[in-house]
Amino acid sequence: MPLHMIKLCVGVETVDEIVDWIEQDLARKRALGIPAEDTHVTRMTPRRIDEILDGGSLYWVVKGQVQCRQRITDLRAVTGADGIERCEIVFDPAVILTEWQPKRPFQGWRYLLDKDAPRDLASLGGGAGDEMPAALKAELAELGLL
């Protein structure tokens, strides 16, 4: 059974912004001639790497709601220019929409058990409200109605 991670996506208002950022970053890397991988660097390295790499995803919290996920394809140790070792998370660039699930702010990332992870919208028939404007979904989620 895969183990997932969950992390706040700070400074982002919508999932569309995440998708656009990924596309722009991959295009920039291609233009520079460096490997076009979707990555994110975080301070702490997970200890349960094998479980995460066995089909785990990173679930993104956007505006207080888990809204999407990306499959994790690798976890690498990297050293920053400051000499501090960090963890580079490598993703499949596809962003998968999930059920919205409220999540309070926290620092860093946390493990997320598969049984506690929100379901993919596609597994619910593709709808479940994704045709609603993001602002309306956010307001309904804040009221506990979504």
C-alpha atoms as a PDB file:
ATOM      1  CA  MET A   1       0.000   0.000   0.000  1.00  0.00           C
ATOM      2  CA  PRO A   2       1.507   3.348  -0.971  1.00  0.00           C
ATOM      3  CA  LEU A   3       2.320   6.066   1.509  1.00  0.00           C
ATOM      4  CA  HIS A   4       1.658   9.641   0.473  1.00  0.00           C
ATOM      5  CA  MET A   5       2.881  13.059   1.516  1.00  0.00           C
ATOM      6  CA  ILE A   6       0.879  16.252   1.990  1.00  0.00           C
ATOM      7  CA  LYS A   7       2.193  19.803   1.723  1.00  0.00           C
ATOM      8  CA  LEU A   8       0.861  23.355   1.576  1.00  0.00           C
ATOM      9  CA  CYS A   9       1.141  25.063  -1.800  1.00  0.00           C
ATOM     10  CA  VAL A  10       1.925  28.552  -0.499  1.00  0.00           C
ATOM     11  CA  GLY A  11       1.186  31.598  -2.650  1.00  0.00           C
ATOM     12  CA  VAL A  12      -1.118  29.746  -5.028  1.00  0.00           C
ATOM     13  CA  GLU A  13      -4.813  30.546  -5.369  1.00  0.00           C
ATOM     14  CA  THR A  14      -5.942  27.776  -7.745  1.00  0.00           C
ATOM     15  CA  VAL A  15      -4.883  24.405  -9.155  1.00  0.00           C
ATOM     16  CA  ASP A  16      -4.675  26.073 -12.575  1.00  0.00           C
ATOM     17  CA  GLU A  17      -1.807  28.182 -11.220  1.00  0.00           C
ATOM     18  CA  ILE A  18       0.051  24.995 -10.245  1.00  0.00           C
ATOM     19  CA  VAL A  19      -0.466  23.534 -13.731  1.00  0.00           C
ATOM     20  CA  ASP A  20       0.711  26.777 -15.394  1.00  0.00           C
ATOM     21  CA  TRP A  21       3.778  26.978 -13.150  1.00  0.00           C
ATOM     22  CA  ILE A  22       4.744  23.379 -13.994  1.00  0.00           C
ATOM     23  CA  GLU A  23       4.383  24.021 -17.735  1.00  0.00           C
ATOM     24  CA  GLN A  24       6.449  27.210 -17.535  1.00  0.00           C
ATOM     25  CA  ASP A  25       9.150  25.576 -15.417  1.00  0.00           C
ATOM     26  CA  LEU A  26       9.471  22.571 -17.746  1.00  0.00           C
ATOM     27  CA  ALA A  27       9.654  24.890 -20.787  1.00  0.00           C
ATOM     28  CA  ARG A  28      12.356  26.975 -19.062  1.00  0.00           C
ATOM     29  CA  LYS A  29      14.399  23.864 -18.282  1.00  0.00           C
ATOM     30  CA  ARG A  30      14.087  22.600 -21.876  1.00  0.00           C
ATOM     31  CA  ALA A  31      15.241  25.998 -23.175  1.00  0.00           C
ATOM     32  CA  LEU A  32      18.280  25.841 -20.881  1.00  0.00           C
ATOM     33  CA  GLY A  33      19.079  22.306 -22.016  1.00  0.00           C
ATOM     34  CA  ILE A  34      18.708  20.800 -18.551  1.00  0.00           C
ATOM     35  CA  PRO A  35      16.543  17.778 -17.711  1.00  0.00           C
ATOM     36  CA  ALA A  36      12.895  18.837 -17.850  1.00  0.00           C
ATOM     37  CA  GLU A  37      11.722  17.303 -14.588  1.00  0.00           C
ATOM     38  CA  ASP A  38       9.049  18.651 -12.292  1.00  0.00           C
ATOM     39  CA  THR A  39      10.748  18.910  -8.911  1.00  0.00           C
ATOM     40  CA  HIS A  40      10.287  20.521  -5.532  1.00  0.00           C
ATOM     41  CA  VAL A  41      12.999  20.837  -2.898  1.00  0.00           C
ATOM     42  CA  THR A  42      12.105  20.511   0.760  1.00  0.00           C
ATOM     43  CA  ARG A  43      14.258  20.693   3.890  1.00  0.00           C
ATOM     44  CA  MET A  44      13.517  17.316   5.466  1.00  0.00           C
ATOM     45  CA  THR A  45      13.999  13.931   3.806  1.00  0.00           C
ATOM     46  CA  PRO A  46      11.335  11.282   4.407  1.00  0.00           C
ATOM     47  CA  ARG A  47      12.492   8.149   6.203  1.00  0.00           C
ATOM     48  CA  ARG A  48       9.858   5.947   4.580  1.00  0.00           C
ATOM     49  CA  ILE A  49      11.176   6.378   1.028  1.00  0.00           C
ATOM     50  CA  ASP A  50      10.410   2.840  -0.187  1.00  0.00           C
ATOM     51  CA  GLU A  51       6.743   3.159   0.804  1.00  0.00           C
ATOM     52  CA  ILE A  52       6.416   6.551  -0.891  1.00  0.00           C
ATOM     53  CA  LEU A  53       8.068   5.331  -4.097  1.00  0.00           C
ATOM     54  CA  ASP A  54       5.639   2.396  -4.163  1.00  0.00           C
ATOM     55  CA  GLY A  55       2.919   4.514  -5.809  1.00  0.00           C
ATOM     56  CA  GLY A  56       2.795   7.464  -3.425  1.00  0.00           C
ATOM     57  CA  SER A  57       1.743  10.986  -4.332  1.00  0.00           C
ATOM     58  CA  LEU A  58       2.157  14.443  -2.902  1.00  0.00           C
ATOM     59  CA  TYR A  59      -1.230  15.959  -2.097  1.00  0.00           C
ATOM     60  CA  TRP A  60      -1.242  19.744  -2.447  1.00  0.00           C
ATOM     61  CA  VAL A  61      -3.187  21.944  -0.010  1.00  0.00           C
ATOM     62  CA  VAL A  62      -4.405  25.049  -1.847  1.00  0.00           C
ATOM     63  CA  LYS A  63      -6.193  27.779   0.120  1.00  0.00           C
ATOM     64  CA  GLY A  64      -6.901  25.469   3.073  1.00  0.00           C
ATOM     65  CA  GLN A  65      -8.201  22.555   0.976  1.00  0.00           C
ATOM     66  CA  VAL A  66      -6.491  19.471  -0.412  1.00  0.00           C
ATOM     67  CA  GLN A  67      -7.409  19.883  -4.084  1.00  0.00           C
ATOM     68  CA  CYS A  68      -4.987  17.841  -6.175  1.00  0.00           C
ATOM     69  CA  ARG A  69      -2.070  15.475  -6.178  1.00  0.00           C
ATOM     70  CA  GLN A  70       1.012  14.564  -8.165  1.00  0.00           C
ATOM     71  CA  ARG A  71       2.576  11.104  -8.257  1.00  0.00           C
ATOM     72  CA  ILE A  72       6.071  11.010  -6.742  1.00  0.00           C
ATOM     73  CA  THR A  73       8.572   9.293  -9.046  1.00  0.00           C
ATOM     74  CA  ASP A  74      11.785   9.823  -7.070  1.00  0.00           C
ATOM     75  CA  LEU A  75      13.257  11.309  -3.887  1.00  0.00           C
ATOM     76  CA  ARG A  76      16.852  12.531  -4.104  1.00  0.00           C
ATOM     77  CA  ALA A  77      19.305  13.957  -1.620  1.00  0.00           C
ATOM     78  CA  VAL A  78      20.647  17.313  -2.841  1.00  0.00           C
ATOM     79  CA  THR A  79      22.967  19.837  -1.248  1.00  0.00           C
ATOM     80  CA  GLY A  80      22.099  23.508  -1.569  1.00  0.00           C
ATOM     81  CA  ALA A  81      24.502  26.337  -2.263  1.00  0.00           C
ATOM     82  CA  ASP A  82      24.496  26.951   1.502  1.00  0.00           C
ATOM     83  CA  GLY A  83      25.852  23.446   2.112  1.00  0.00           C
ATOM     84  CA  ILE A  84      22.638  22.186   3.725  1.00  0.00           C
ATOM     85  CA  GLU A  85      21.339  18.806   2.568  1.00  0.00           C
ATOM     86  CA  ARG A  86      17.763  18.771   1.366  1.00  0.00           C
ATOM     87  CA  CYS A  87      15.349  16.430  -0.404  1.00  0.00           C
ATOM     88  CA  GLU A  88      14.389  16.912  -4.048  1.00  0.00           C
ATOM     89  CA  ILE A  89      10.970  15.440  -4.777  1.00  0.00           C
ATOM     90  CA  VAL A  90      10.533  14.450  -8.435  1.00  0.00           C
ATOM     91  CA  PHE A  91       6.963  14.347  -9.752  1.00  0.00           C
ATOM     92  CA  ASP A  92       5.054  13.053 -12.680  1.00  0.00           C
ATOM     93  CA  PRO A  93       4.035  16.462 -14.099  1.00  0.00           C
ATOM     94  CA  ALA A  94       0.367  15.414 -14.433  1.00  0.00           C
ATOM     95  CA  VAL A  95      -1.783  17.131 -11.805  1.00  0.00           C
ATOM     96  CA  ILE A  96      -4.705  14.952 -10.696  1.00  0.00           C
ATOM     97  CA  LEU A  97      -7.752  16.674  -9.235  1.00  0.00           C
ATOM     98  CA  THR A  98      -9.067  15.210  -5.981  1.00  0.00           C
ATOM     99  CA  GLU A  99     -12.051  15.646  -3.747  1.00  0.00           C
ATOM    100  CA  TRP A 100     -11.630  18.770  -1.703  1.00  0.00           C
ATOM    101  CA  GLN A 101     -10.657  18.055   1.889  1.00  0.00           C
ATOM    102  CA  PRO A 102     -10.120  20.808   4.481  1.00  0.00           C
ATOM    103  CA  LYS A 103      -6.653  21.000   6.011  1.00  0.00           C
ATOM    104  CA  ARG A 104      -5.349  23.425   8.608  1.00  0.00           C
ATOM    105  CA  PRO A 105      -1.981  25.109   8.063  1.00  0.00           C
ATOM    106  CA  PHE A 106       1.180  23.244   9.036  1.00  0.00           C
ATOM    107  CA  GLN A 107       4.869  23.587   8.319  1.00  0.00           C
ATOM    108  CA  GLY A 108       6.819  21.357   5.986  1.00  0.00           C
ATOM    109  CA  TRP A 109       5.163  18.158   4.853  1.00  0.00           C
ATOM    110  CA  ARG A 110       3.419  15.276   6.573  1.00  0.00           C
ATOM    111  CA  TYR A 111       2.841  11.625   5.764  1.00  0.00           C
ATOM    112  CA  LEU A 112      -0.649  10.787   4.514  1.00  0.00           C
ATOM    113  CA  LEU A 113      -1.948   7.231   4.743  1.00  0.00           C
ATOM    114  CA  ASP A 114      -3.671   5.892   1.635  1.00  0.00           C
ATOM    115  CA  LYS A 115      -6.911   5.290   3.574  1.00  0.00           C
ATOM    116  CA  ASP A 116      -7.002   8.989   4.595  1.00  0.00           C
ATOM    117  CA  ALA A 117      -6.210  10.440   1.162  1.00  0.00           C
ATOM    118  CA  PRO A 118      -8.978  12.205  -0.777  1.00  0.00           C
ATOM    119  CA  ARG A 119     -10.265  10.272  -3.783  1.00  0.00           C
ATOM    120  CA  ASP A 120      -9.477  11.332  -7.323  1.00  0.00           C
ATOM    121  CA  LEU A 121     -12.334  13.134  -9.045  1.00  0.00           C
ATOM    122  CA  ALA A 122     -11.944  10.793 -12.021  1.00  0.00           C
ATOM    123  CA  SER A 123     -12.739   7.814  -9.756  1.00  0.00           C
ATOM    124  CA  LEU A 124     -15.988   9.564  -8.836  1.00  0.00           C
ATOM    125  CA  GLY A 125     -17.092   9.869 -12.444  1.00  0.00           C
ATOM    126  CA  GLY A 126     -15.029  12.951 -13.250  1.00  0.00           C
ATOM    127  CA  GLY A 127     -17.535  15.458 -11.930  1.00  0.00           C
ATOM    128  CA  ALA A 128     -18.161  15.941  -8.229  1.00  0.00           C
ATOM    129  CA  GLY A 129     -18.202  19.696  -8.618  1.00  0.00           C
ATOM    130  CA  ASP A 130     -15.147  20.319 -10.788  1.00  0.00           C
ATOM    131  CA  GLU A 131     -17.416  22.150 -13.248  1.00  0.00           C
ATOM    132  CA  MET A 132     -18.098  24.772 -10.565  1.00  0.00           C
ATOM    133  CA  PRO A 133     -16.087  27.983 -10.552  1.00  0.00           C
ATOM    134  CA  ALA A 134     -13.149  27.782  -8.132  1.00  0.00           C
ATOM    135  CA  ALA A 135     -14.420  30.726  -6.062  1.00  0.00           C
ATOM    136  CA  LEU A 136     -17.789  29.033  -5.519  1.00  0.00           C
ATOM    137  CA  LYS A 137     -16.131  25.731  -4.591  1.00  0.00           C
ATOM    138  CA  ALA A 138     -13.886  27.562  -2.115  1.00  0.00           C
ATOM    139  CA  GLU A 139     -16.850  29.288  -0.490  1.00  0.00           C
ATOM    140  CA  LEU A 140     -18.843  26.047  -0.236  1.00  0.00           C
ATOM    141  CA  ALA A 141     -15.805  24.232   1.184  1.00  0.00           C
ATOM    142  CA  GLU A 142     -15.339  26.974   3.788  1.00  0.00           C
ATOM    143  CA  LEU A 143     -18.944  26.473   4.861  1.00  0.00           C
ATOM    144  CA  GLY A 144     -18.382  22.714   5.099  1.00  0.00           C
ATOM    145  CA  LEU A 145     -20.796  22.013   2.237  1.00  0.00           C
ATOM    146  CA  LEU A 146     -18.289  20.492  -0.148  1.00  0.00           C
END
